[in-house]
Amino acid sequence: MITFWRQSNQKGATAALLLYTAVRLCAAGNKPSFSVDATILAEYFGTKTRYEDVNKHLLINPNYRDRSLLSDSTCTPVHLNAVIRHGTRYPTIKQIKKIQKIHKLIMKNSEADTELTKWQLWYNDSMDGQLVEKGIQDMKNLALRLATLFPSLFSKENYVDCQVKVLTSSKHRCVESAKAFIQGLEQEHFQLSTEELKDLTCRDPLVKDDLMRFFDNCPKFVTYIENNDTAMHEVERFKEGPEMQKVLNKMALKLNMPASSLTADLVQVAFFTCSYELSIKDIPNSPWCSLFDVEDGEVLEYLNDLKQYWKRGYGYDINSKSSCPLFHDIFRELNKAVHEDGSQSASPAVVLQFGHAETLQPLLSLMGFFQDEKPLRADNFAEQKNRKFRSGQIVPYAANVVFVLYRCDDQQERTYKVQMLLNEKVLPFHHSGDMYALYPDLRKYYYDILHSCNFKQECELPSLNGTFGDEL
């Protein structure tokens, strides 16, 4: 049913893409450009993917929302809990250093007189992962769409009464994303006056790294995965494999420079620079994109997915188990909403949590979503062509996992159901394939995680007698 989630939401995406491309071509005076190529490459950018490339209709109308997501008339939403990745950002300083390196290398060694040799380096160290203007707009638009989709939860009354709880990672891009989302609510949805804003006491997001950056607080993850290069052996093997070497040789040929001067890391950063030009500046014909074709894009996407799989996904158990605090907190809020429904309690109607791709991916893996029959490895690229685990489709910029709790009254019987949305599309439940789950059934299915996943125990470093493979 997860495959159904991907396929059913592609209806209209092709039409939206064609219309978007036609608009770009018309704007260019009907002259051919690299815009189509860049747009096609966009779906292979992994965690650097624009949110609109997962929801193509947003390229045409950034405020479009799918009202067919809503439950039937017998059900009323009573609580919403969302985990949201920050919006579009600048590359981190680590990536900027690599961009500077590949640019210098091209300027020094390339014998070709191309648009790329004329390209002006504009990235600088001060940008270091900061939220860009596009990222601010990502958050404002998302706020408006979610608030319009669930108006009874995102009501002015709930907001003024501090029933909208906002948590964030301490990273600047997440704090600024939270603030931009709040701005979208206040200015566009609630249209609050300056006087009304003065009286609010709960507008500022609360930094909560134990939930949004749980991985930093997990010694086993930090020691065995984050700081252990051998944990990424499948990634390193793929970099040296025939698929990546073919991409490297093609790029060297286009640049008219020896292949020996390039590395897999430099090829990847050139591809990411193509993605940054598109996501940050909306440049569809960047000379960086002209270095690659779709075949290259598929290989480079797989390289990125391998890293996400082994560092944040199913590669090692600790990757997902480190997210247990977040999982437990979401279910605590759901539980409170069920038990306090209709009372005059202080249980929030909405919980918004702003984190990272590294926050969302482990959580989804913990819940069993997007798991392939065979693990992603360096030697099964061709076999994994139709894999479920595609990080760009799961955790693009502004990615969001939303849990919606409904109260359903039918023939004098009251039940509570949960619906999950991923990037504003219904995500069928892993255990049933259904679009909704009865809340007691959902708790029963995840009983072991809810009762046995002890963060302290899971993250504790083993005794010296333990081994890397045994523990992970």
Protein backbone atom coordinates (compact mmCIF):
# COMPACT_ATOMS: atom_id res chain seq x y z
CA MET A 1 0.00 0.00 0.00
CA ILE A 2 2.98 2.30 0.35
CA THR A 3 3.51 1.89 -3.38
CA PHE A 4 -0.11 2.98 -3.82
CA TRP A 5 0.69 6.14 -1.83
CA ARG A 6 3.39 7.02 -4.33
CA GLN A 7 1.44 6.15 -7.45
CA SER A 8 -1.94 7.58 -6.51
CA ASN A 9 -0.46 11.00 -5.81
CA GLN A 10 1.31 11.16 -9.15
CA LYS A 11 -1.98 11.83 -10.96
CA GLY A 12 -1.87 15.37 -12.16
CA ALA A 13 1.83 15.70 -11.32
CA THR A 14 2.80 15.10 -14.93
CA ALA A 15 0.26 17.64 -16.13
CA ALA A 16 1.48 20.19 -13.60
CA LEU A 17 5.08 19.60 -14.65
CA LEU A 18 4.22 20.01 -18.35
CA LEU A 19 2.32 23.21 -17.66
CA TYR A 20 5.14 24.56 -15.49
CA THR A 21 7.71 23.74 -18.19
CA ALA A 22 5.55 25.40 -20.86
CA VAL A 23 5.31 28.55 -18.76
CA ARG A 24 9.10 28.64 -18.34
CA LEU A 25 9.64 28.17 -22.07
CA CYS A 26 7.13 30.87 -22.95
CA ALA A 27 8.80 33.23 -20.51
CA ALA A 28 12.05 32.57 -22.35
CA GLY A 29 10.49 33.56 -25.66
CA ASN A 30 10.00 29.94 -26.72
CA LYS A 31 13.75 29.49 -26.98
CA PRO A 32 14.97 26.06 -25.83
CA SER A 33 17.01 26.06 -22.63
CA PHE A 34 18.24 23.67 -19.97
CA SER A 35 15.10 24.25 -17.87
CA VAL A 36 13.51 20.93 -18.83
CA ASP A 37 16.73 19.07 -18.03
CA ALA A 38 17.06 20.79 -14.65
CA THR A 39 13.45 20.03 -13.80
CA ILE A 40 13.89 16.38 -14.68
CA LEU A 41 17.06 16.19 -12.59
CA ALA A 42 15.23 17.73 -9.64
CA GLU A 43 13.62 14.46 -8.58
CA TYR A 44 17.07 12.95 -7.96
CA PHE A 45 18.37 15.55 -5.50
CA GLY A 46 17.64 13.44 -2.41
CA THR A 47 17.49 15.49 0.78
CA LYS A 48 18.27 18.61 -1.30
CA THR A 49 14.95 18.24 -3.17
CA ARG A 50 12.53 21.16 -3.36
CA TYR A 51 9.18 20.52 -1.68
CA GLU A 52 7.39 21.44 -4.93
CA ASP A 53 9.15 18.59 -6.72
CA VAL A 54 7.36 16.18 -4.41
CA ASN A 55 4.06 18.07 -4.82
CA LYS A 56 4.17 19.21 -8.46
CA HIS A 57 0.84 21.05 -8.24
CA LEU A 58 2.50 23.57 -5.91
CA LEU A 59 4.65 24.74 -8.82
CA ILE A 60 1.45 26.20 -10.27
CA ASN A 61 -0.42 27.13 -7.10
CA PRO A 62 1.61 27.24 -3.84
CA ASN A 63 -1.59 27.56 -1.80
CA TYR A 64 -3.35 24.49 -3.23
CA ARG A 65 -4.63 22.05 -0.62
CA ASP A 66 -6.29 18.67 -1.17
CA ARG A 67 -9.59 18.68 0.70
CA SER A 68 -10.22 15.05 -0.23
CA LEU A 69 -7.83 14.21 2.63
CA LEU A 70 -10.50 15.09 5.17
CA SER A 71 -12.45 12.46 7.04
CA ASP A 72 -16.18 11.84 6.55
CA SER A 73 -18.86 13.95 8.19
CA THR A 74 -19.11 11.69 11.26
CA CYS A 75 -15.54 12.52 12.32
CA THR A 76 -14.12 15.74 13.73
CA PRO A 77 -10.40 16.51 14.09
CA VAL A 78 -9.53 17.09 17.75
CA HIS A 79 -5.72 17.11 17.70
CA LEU A 80 -2.89 17.55 15.22
CA ASN A 81 0.77 16.75 15.81
CA ALA A 82 3.26 17.67 13.07
CA VAL A 83 6.99 17.06 12.75
CA ILE A 84 8.33 19.47 10.13
CA ARG A 85 11.71 19.72 8.47
CA HIS A 86 13.11 23.23 8.09
CA GLY A 87 12.59 25.05 4.80
CA THR A 88 15.05 25.54 1.95
CA ARG A 89 18.48 26.49 3.24
CA TYR A 90 21.95 27.46 2.10
CA PRO A 91 24.54 24.67 1.98
CA THR A 92 26.43 24.04 5.21
CA ILE A 93 29.98 25.32 5.55
CA LYS A 94 31.25 21.81 4.87
CA GLN A 95 29.47 21.79 1.50
CA ILE A 96 30.50 25.38 0.75
CA LYS A 97 34.16 24.42 1.19
CA LYS A 98 33.63 21.59 -1.30
CA ILE A 99 31.89 23.93 -3.78
CA GLN A 100 34.85 26.31 -3.51
CA LYS A 101 37.20 23.39 -4.12
CA ILE A 102 35.46 22.04 -7.23
CA HIS A 103 35.07 25.56 -8.63
CA LYS A 104 38.77 26.28 -8.14
CA LEU A 105 39.65 22.95 -9.71
CA ILE A 106 37.51 23.64 -12.78
CA MET A 107 38.92 27.14 -13.21
CA LYS A 108 42.46 25.81 -12.95
CA ASN A 109 42.30 22.59 -14.96
CA SER A 110 39.40 22.73 -17.39
CA GLU A 111 40.47 23.39 -20.98
CA ALA A 112 36.91 24.01 -22.08
CA ASP A 113 35.53 27.52 -22.47
CA THR A 114 32.07 26.89 -21.04
CA GLU A 115 29.35 28.67 -19.11
CA LEU A 116 30.68 26.93 -16.02
CA THR A 117 34.09 28.61 -16.29
CA LYS A 118 32.23 31.94 -16.46
CA TRP A 119 30.06 31.10 -13.42
CA GLN A 120 30.63 33.42 -10.45
CA LEU A 121 31.11 31.77 -7.06
CA TRP A 122 28.62 33.42 -4.70
CA TYR A 123 28.54 31.03 -1.74
CA ASN A 124 30.44 32.16 1.36
CA ASP A 125 31.14 30.72 4.79
CA SER A 126 28.66 33.00 6.59
CA MET A 127 25.74 31.25 4.85
CA ASP A 128 26.44 27.97 6.70
CA GLY A 129 23.07 26.21 6.52
CA GLN A 130 21.02 29.37 7.13
CA LEU A 131 17.40 29.51 6.04
CA VAL A 132 16.97 31.34 2.73
CA GLU A 133 14.07 33.56 1.65
CA LYS A 134 12.59 30.63 -0.25
CA GLY A 135 12.69 28.61 2.99
CA ILE A 136 10.74 31.32 4.81
CA GLN A 137 8.11 31.19 2.09
CA ASP A 138 8.07 27.37 2.28
CA MET A 139 7.00 27.65 5.91
CA LYS A 140 4.47 30.44 5.44
CA ASN A 141 2.78 28.57 2.60
CA LEU A 142 2.73 25.31 4.56
CA ALA A 143 1.20 27.10 7.55
CA LEU A 144 -1.58 28.53 5.41
CA ARG A 145 -2.33 25.20 3.72
CA LEU A 146 -2.46 23.20 6.96
CA ALA A 147 -4.50 25.87 8.75
CA THR A 148 -6.98 26.02 5.89
CA LEU A 149 -7.22 22.25 5.77
CA PHE A 150 -7.88 21.98 9.54
CA PRO A 151 -9.55 25.31 10.45
CA SER A 152 -11.18 24.05 13.65
CA LEU A 153 -7.77 23.17 15.10
CA PHE A 154 -5.95 26.19 13.72
CA SER A 155 -8.60 28.56 15.03
CA LYS A 156 -7.89 32.06 16.25
CA GLU A 157 -9.35 31.12 19.62
CA ASN A 158 -7.00 28.16 19.99
CA TYR A 159 -4.02 30.27 19.03
CA VAL A 160 -4.84 33.15 21.41
CA ASP A 161 -5.49 30.62 24.21
CA CYS A 162 -2.03 29.06 23.69
CA GLN A 163 -3.49 25.85 22.35
CA VAL A 164 -0.93 25.80 19.52
CA LYS A 165 2.35 24.50 20.92
CA VAL A 166 5.54 25.14 18.92
CA LEU A 167 8.83 23.29 19.54
CA THR A 168 12.06 23.51 17.58
CA SER A 169 15.62 22.30 17.20
CA SER A 170 18.19 24.81 18.41
CA LYS A 171 19.67 25.11 14.92
CA HIS A 172 19.11 28.57 13.46
CA ARG A 173 17.38 27.26 10.31
CA CYS A 174 14.83 25.39 12.42
CA VAL A 175 14.16 28.30 14.79
CA GLU A 176 13.68 30.61 11.81
CA SER A 177 11.41 28.04 10.13
CA ALA A 178 9.24 27.91 13.24
CA LYS A 179 9.05 31.70 13.33
CA ALA A 180 8.16 31.86 9.62
CA PHE A 181 5.41 29.28 10.13
CA ILE A 182 4.04 31.34 13.03
CA GLN A 183 4.18 34.46 10.85
CA GLY A 184 2.18 32.66 8.19
CA LEU A 185 -0.49 31.83 10.76
CA GLU A 186 -0.60 35.27 12.33
CA GLN A 187 -0.45 37.38 9.18
CA GLU A 188 -2.18 35.28 6.54
CA HIS A 189 -4.53 32.96 8.40
CA PHE A 190 -5.56 34.75 11.61
CA GLN A 191 -4.77 38.25 10.30
CA LEU A 192 -4.01 39.41 13.82
CA SER A 193 -3.60 43.13 14.48
CA THR A 194 -0.55 44.64 16.13
CA GLU A 195 -2.55 45.18 19.31
CA GLU A 196 -3.68 41.55 19.38
CA LEU A 197 -0.11 40.35 18.93
CA LYS A 198 1.08 42.45 21.87
CA ASP A 199 -1.20 40.55 24.22
CA LEU A 200 0.02 37.08 23.20
CA THR A 201 2.27 35.35 25.73
CA CYS A 202 3.06 32.10 23.89
CA ARG A 203 4.30 33.09 20.44
CA ASP A 204 7.96 32.11 20.78
CA PRO A 205 8.94 28.56 19.84
CA LEU A 206 10.49 26.46 22.59
CA VAL A 207 13.86 24.85 21.88
CA LYS A 208 13.59 21.10 22.49
CA ASP A 209 16.70 19.31 21.26
CA ASP A 210 15.95 16.15 23.21
CA LEU A 211 13.04 15.61 20.77
CA MET A 212 14.26 17.32 17.59
CA ARG A 213 17.94 16.30 17.83
CA PHE A 214 17.59 13.06 19.78
CA PHE A 215 20.52 11.59 17.83
CA ASP A 216 22.96 14.00 19.49
CA ASN A 217 21.97 12.61 22.89
CA CYS A 218 22.44 8.95 21.93
CA PRO A 219 26.02 7.83 22.74
CA LYS A 220 25.70 4.57 20.82
CA PHE A 221 24.62 6.40 17.65
CA VAL A 222 27.29 9.09 18.00
CA THR A 223 30.08 6.57 18.65
CA TYR A 224 29.16 3.75 16.27
CA ILE A 225 27.49 5.67 13.43
CA GLU A 226 28.15 9.43 13.46
CA ASN A 227 31.85 9.24 14.32
CA ASN A 228 32.64 5.86 12.78
CA ASP A 229 33.64 5.97 9.12
CA THR A 230 33.40 2.20 8.73
CA ALA A 231 29.64 2.40 9.38
CA MET A 232 29.31 3.95 5.91
CA HIS A 233 31.26 1.18 4.13
CA GLU A 234 28.45 0.60 1.61
CA VAL A 235 28.54 4.30 0.68
CA GLU A 236 32.31 4.21 0.19
CA ARG A 237 32.10 1.01 -1.87
CA PHE A 238 29.53 2.60 -4.17
CA LYS A 239 31.74 5.66 -4.67
CA GLU A 240 34.42 3.34 -6.05
CA GLY A 241 31.98 1.18 -8.02
CA PRO A 242 31.37 1.12 -11.78
CA GLU A 243 28.22 3.27 -11.71
CA MET A 244 29.91 6.21 -9.97
CA GLN A 245 33.07 5.84 -12.03
CA LYS A 246 31.00 6.12 -15.19
CA VAL A 247 29.41 9.36 -13.94
CA LEU A 248 32.83 10.69 -12.97
CA ASN A 249 34.33 9.89 -16.38
CA LYS A 250 31.41 11.55 -18.21
CA MET A 251 31.79 14.69 -16.11
CA ALA A 252 35.54 14.80 -16.74
CA LEU A 253 34.90 14.49 -20.47
CA LYS A 254 32.41 17.38 -20.43
CA LEU A 255 34.87 19.54 -18.52
CA ASN A 256 37.75 18.47 -20.78
CA MET A 257 39.88 17.62 -17.77
CA PRO A 258 41.55 14.39 -16.61
CA ALA A 259 39.30 12.02 -14.66
CA SER A 260 42.11 11.54 -12.15
CA SER A 261 41.58 15.11 -10.94
CA LEU A 262 38.03 14.33 -9.83
CA THR A 263 36.65 12.28 -6.93
CA ALA A 264 33.19 10.89 -6.23
CA ASP A 265 32.77 13.53 -3.51
CA LEU A 266 33.52 16.36 -5.94
CA VAL A 267 31.12 14.92 -8.52
CA GLN A 268 28.43 14.77 -5.85
CA VAL A 269 29.01 18.34 -4.72
CA ALA A 270 28.75 19.52 -8.33
CA PHE A 271 25.38 17.77 -8.50
CA PHE A 272 24.32 19.35 -5.22
CA THR A 273 25.37 22.77 -6.54
CA CYS A 274 22.94 22.22 -9.41
CA SER A 275 20.28 21.55 -6.77
CA TYR A 276 21.17 24.66 -4.74
CA GLU A 277 20.95 26.88 -7.81
CA LEU A 278 17.46 25.54 -8.51
CA SER A 279 16.13 25.53 -4.94
CA ILE A 280 17.65 28.79 -3.69
CA LYS A 281 17.67 30.99 -6.80
CA ASP A 282 15.13 29.17 -8.99
CA ILE A 283 17.70 28.94 -11.80
CA PRO A 284 16.55 26.15 -14.14
CA ASN A 285 19.51 26.35 -16.51
CA SER A 286 22.50 26.47 -14.18
CA PRO A 287 25.69 25.35 -15.93
CA TRP A 288 26.22 22.91 -13.05
CA CYS A 289 23.11 21.02 -14.14
CA SER A 290 24.40 20.70 -17.70
CA LEU A 291 27.12 18.37 -16.39
CA PHE A 292 24.56 15.62 -15.70
CA ASP A 293 21.80 13.64 -17.36
CA VAL A 294 19.00 11.49 -15.94
CA GLU A 295 21.19 8.38 -15.85
CA ASP A 296 23.74 10.28 -13.76
CA GLY A 297 20.94 11.62 -11.56
CA GLU A 298 19.73 8.12 -10.73
CA VAL A 299 23.22 7.07 -9.68
CA LEU A 300 23.83 10.18 -7.57
CA GLU A 301 20.42 9.86 -5.95
CA TYR A 302 21.29 6.29 -4.97
CA LEU A 303 24.58 7.47 -3.46
CA ASN A 304 22.67 9.94 -1.29
CA ASP A 305 20.04 7.34 -0.41
CA LEU A 306 22.73 4.87 0.65
CA LYS A 307 24.01 7.40 3.16
CA GLN A 308 20.51 8.14 4.47
CA TYR A 309 19.70 4.42 4.67
CA TRP A 310 22.81 3.48 6.64
CA LYS A 311 23.01 6.63 8.76
CA ARG A 312 19.35 7.50 9.39
CA GLY A 313 17.25 4.60 8.16
CA TYR A 314 17.16 0.81 8.28
CA GLY A 315 20.92 0.22 7.99
CA TYR A 316 21.39 -0.06 11.76
CA ASP A 317 18.75 -0.54 14.46
CA ILE A 318 20.09 2.32 16.57
CA ASN A 319 19.28 4.80 13.79
CA SER A 320 15.54 4.37 14.28
CA LYS A 321 15.57 3.43 17.97
CA SER A 322 17.25 6.72 18.83
CA SER A 323 13.96 8.41 17.77
CA CYS A 324 11.94 6.64 20.50
CA PRO A 325 11.68 9.81 22.65
CA LEU A 326 9.96 11.63 19.79
CA PHE A 327 7.69 8.68 19.03
CA HIS A 328 6.71 8.39 22.71
CA ASP A 329 6.04 12.12 22.97
CA ILE A 330 3.74 12.09 19.93
CA PHE A 331 1.71 9.24 21.41
CA ARG A 332 1.60 10.94 24.82
CA GLU A 333 0.03 13.97 23.16
CA LEU A 334 -2.43 11.76 21.26
CA ASN A 335 -3.30 9.95 24.46
CA LYS A 336 -3.89 13.22 26.33
CA ALA A 337 -6.09 14.47 23.51
CA VAL A 338 -8.25 11.33 23.69
CA HIS A 339 -8.63 11.34 27.47
CA GLU A 340 -9.11 15.11 27.78
CA ASP A 341 -11.39 15.54 24.78
CA GLY A 342 -14.31 17.73 25.74
CA SER A 343 -12.82 18.78 29.07
CA GLN A 344 -11.50 22.20 30.02
CA SER A 345 -7.92 20.92 30.14
CA ALA A 346 -4.79 22.60 28.84
CA SER A 347 -4.07 19.86 26.31
CA PRO A 348 -2.92 21.57 23.07
CA ALA A 349 -5.05 21.32 19.96
CA VAL A 350 -1.95 21.54 17.75
CA VAL A 351 1.68 20.57 18.35
CA LEU A 352 4.21 21.78 15.76
CA GLN A 353 7.79 20.51 15.96
CA PHE A 354 10.53 21.84 13.69
CA GLY A 355 13.57 19.70 13.05
CA HIS A 356 15.67 18.11 10.36
CA ALA A 357 15.61 15.37 7.74
CA GLU A 358 17.58 13.49 10.41
CA THR A 359 14.58 13.93 12.73
CA LEU A 360 11.90 12.65 10.35
CA GLN A 361 13.70 9.78 8.64
CA PRO A 362 14.49 7.75 11.80
CA LEU A 363 10.93 8.26 13.05
CA LEU A 364 9.43 6.91 9.82
CA SER A 365 11.85 3.99 9.87
CA LEU A 366 10.93 3.23 13.49
CA MET A 367 7.30 3.01 12.36
CA GLY A 368 8.17 0.67 9.49
CA PHE A 369 7.54 2.94 6.50
CA PHE A 370 9.43 2.69 3.20
CA GLN A 371 11.28 -0.50 4.05
CA ASP A 372 12.43 -2.54 1.08
CA GLU A 373 12.64 -6.33 1.07
CA LYS A 374 16.40 -6.19 0.65
CA PRO A 375 18.77 -3.64 2.18
CA LEU A 376 20.31 -0.97 -0.01
CA ARG A 377 23.89 -1.97 -0.81
CA ALA A 378 26.69 -0.85 -3.07
CA ASP A 379 26.24 -3.89 -5.31
CA ASN A 380 22.46 -3.84 -5.89
CA PHE A 381 21.87 -0.45 -7.51
CA ALA A 382 20.06 -1.93 -10.54
CA GLU A 383 17.95 -4.19 -8.34
CA GLN A 384 16.84 -1.22 -6.23
CA LYS A 385 15.67 0.91 -9.15
CA ASN A 386 12.04 0.76 -7.94
CA ARG A 387 12.88 0.96 -4.23
CA LYS A 388 10.56 2.50 -1.66
CA PHE A 389 13.39 4.22 0.20
CA ARG A 390 13.93 7.43 -1.79
CA SER A 391 14.97 10.20 0.56
CA GLY A 392 14.02 13.00 -1.83
CA GLN A 393 10.43 11.75 -1.95
CA ILE A 394 10.31 11.24 1.83
CA VAL A 395 12.25 14.12 3.40
CA PRO A 396 12.68 17.03 0.95
CA TYR A 397 13.03 20.57 2.26
CA ALA A 398 9.94 21.43 4.37
CA ALA A 399 8.99 17.74 4.67
CA ASN A 400 6.28 17.08 7.22
CA VAL A 401 4.80 14.10 9.02
CA VAL A 402 1.38 14.92 10.44
CA PHE A 403 -0.69 12.84 12.87
CA VAL A 404 -4.36 13.85 12.93
CA LEU A 405 -6.63 12.51 15.67
CA TYR A 406 -10.36 12.36 14.88
CA ARG A 407 -13.35 11.92 17.14
CA CYS A 408 -15.94 9.82 15.29
CA ASP A 409 -19.56 9.58 16.44
CA ASP A 410 -21.54 6.93 14.62
CA GLN A 411 -24.83 5.41 15.84
CA GLN A 412 -24.25 6.45 19.44
CA GLU A 413 -20.77 4.92 19.47
CA ARG A 414 -17.76 7.18 19.89
CA THR A 415 -14.38 6.11 18.53
CA TYR A 416 -11.07 7.82 17.88
CA LYS A 417 -9.17 7.39 14.65
CA VAL A 418 -5.73 8.51 13.52
CA GLN A 419 -4.73 9.60 10.04
CA MET A 420 -1.13 10.18 8.95
CA LEU A 421 -0.04 12.61 6.27
CA LEU A 422 3.41 12.72 4.73
CA ASN A 423 4.12 15.90 2.81
CA GLU A 424 0.37 16.64 2.78
CA LYS A 425 -0.57 13.26 1.26
CA VAL A 426 -2.36 10.50 3.13
CA LEU A 427 0.15 7.86 4.21
CA PRO A 428 -1.45 4.41 4.47
CA PHE A 429 -0.60 2.69 7.73
CA HIS A 430 2.21 0.19 7.52
CA HIS A 431 0.39 -2.58 9.38
CA SER A 432 -2.93 -2.43 7.54
CA GLY A 433 -2.63 -0.38 4.38
CA ASP A 434 -5.66 1.60 5.58
CA MET A 435 -5.98 5.38 5.41
CA TYR A 436 -7.18 5.51 9.04
CA ALA A 437 -6.44 3.47 12.13
CA LEU A 438 -8.51 3.13 15.26
CA TYR A 439 -6.40 4.69 17.97
CA PRO A 440 -6.48 1.63 20.29
CA ASP A 441 -5.45 -0.60 17.36
CA LEU A 442 -2.56 1.70 16.54
CA ARG A 443 -1.31 1.64 20.11
CA LYS A 444 -1.62 -2.14 20.10
CA TYR A 445 0.40 -2.48 16.90
CA TYR A 446 3.20 -0.30 18.30
CA TYR A 447 2.96 -1.78 21.80
CA ASP A 448 6.57 -2.98 21.88
CA ILE A 449 7.98 0.40 20.87
CA LEU A 450 5.72 2.25 23.30
CA HIS A 451 6.61 0.01 26.23
CA SER A 452 10.02 -1.50 25.49
CA CYS A 453 12.03 1.16 23.68
CA ASN A 454 13.92 2.73 26.56
CA PHE A 455 16.08 5.52 25.16
CA LYS A 456 18.69 5.36 27.90
CA GLN A 457 19.11 1.61 27.56
CA GLU A 458 19.04 1.61 23.76
CA CYS A 459 21.62 4.39 23.55
CA GLU A 460 23.92 3.17 26.29
CA LEU A 461 27.37 2.15 25.08
CA PRO A 462 27.89 -1.59 25.50
CA SER A 463 30.50 -3.26 27.65
CA LEU A 464 33.94 -3.81 26.18
CA ASN A 465 32.98 -7.43 25.46
CA GLY A 466 30.32 -6.29 22.98
CA THR A 467 31.01 -5.92 19.26
CA PHE A 468 29.93 -3.37 16.69
CA GLY A 469 27.86 -5.85 14.68
CA ASP A 470 26.21 -7.41 17.73
CA GLU A 471 25.04 -4.09 19.11
CA LEU A 472 23.75 -2.50 15.91
